[in-house]
Amino acid sequence: MANLIRKEDREYLKGEFEKYLKNDVDLVVFTSNDENCRYCKETVQLATEVSEINPKIHLKVYNFDEDKEMVKKYGVEKYPATIVSKAGVEDGRIVYYGLPSGYEFGSLIEDLKNVSMGEADVSSKAAELISKIDKPITIKVYVTPTCPYCPRAVGTAHKFALLNPNIKGEMIEALEFENEAEEVGVSSVPHIVINNDVTFIGAYPDDQFAEYVMEAYDHQ
């Protein structure tokens, strides 16, 4: 299979990682033997190519059907799944369901840098609101690879997850998980669902996004 990351992009990422990666990170992929998994092989290949760019990125690959203990530890619900976490920490709060391609590849790169630095650049208001969350919150962001606005929504959800261990941020590729997207009423993207309760569409500023998170929190 041909490389998924072009040579010039690889060189650019090499410079970015050398500049921004401070601490080691794990890039964890859950794949499957399921022949109907359209992008399992590509997801593993993409993660492999990314991990080969910098030694601080550690690739771990698990089989959803066989590695049940790891599925449980990371809280993975479907495949393919790609997770970014601090090295050695089995933490599935920053997750991509589906191949993180197109515009979402940029989201993955930003997550690697943010997790490595342990930083999340959000507004002071958003940070204050998110710090109040003391119960489990799951933010699902439905996207498509060609949506230029989706990375902002995914990035915000993942930054909130990085800031607060009670928050899980999920990117879900709507075309790969068509049935699920249809069930929650996805008609345009980004389509955000928080705790299967609060829903909104669009890439809002992080302080407004945080207000929706608080609305779901208050409904618990």
Foldseek 3Di string as FASTA:
>chain_A
DDQPADPVNLVVLLVVCVPQQAAAKEKEWEAEPDPPQPCRVVQLRNLVSSCVSDVSYHYHYHYVVPPVVLCVLQVPDDDGKIAMAGPPRSYNQQMEHDRCDALSVVLVSVLNRCRSVLDQDADPLLLVLLVPDPAAKEKEWEDANHDNFRSLQSSLQSSSCSSDVNYGYYYYHCVSVVVVCVVLPDDDPRWMAMPVPFIDHTNDGSNVVSVSNVVVRVVD
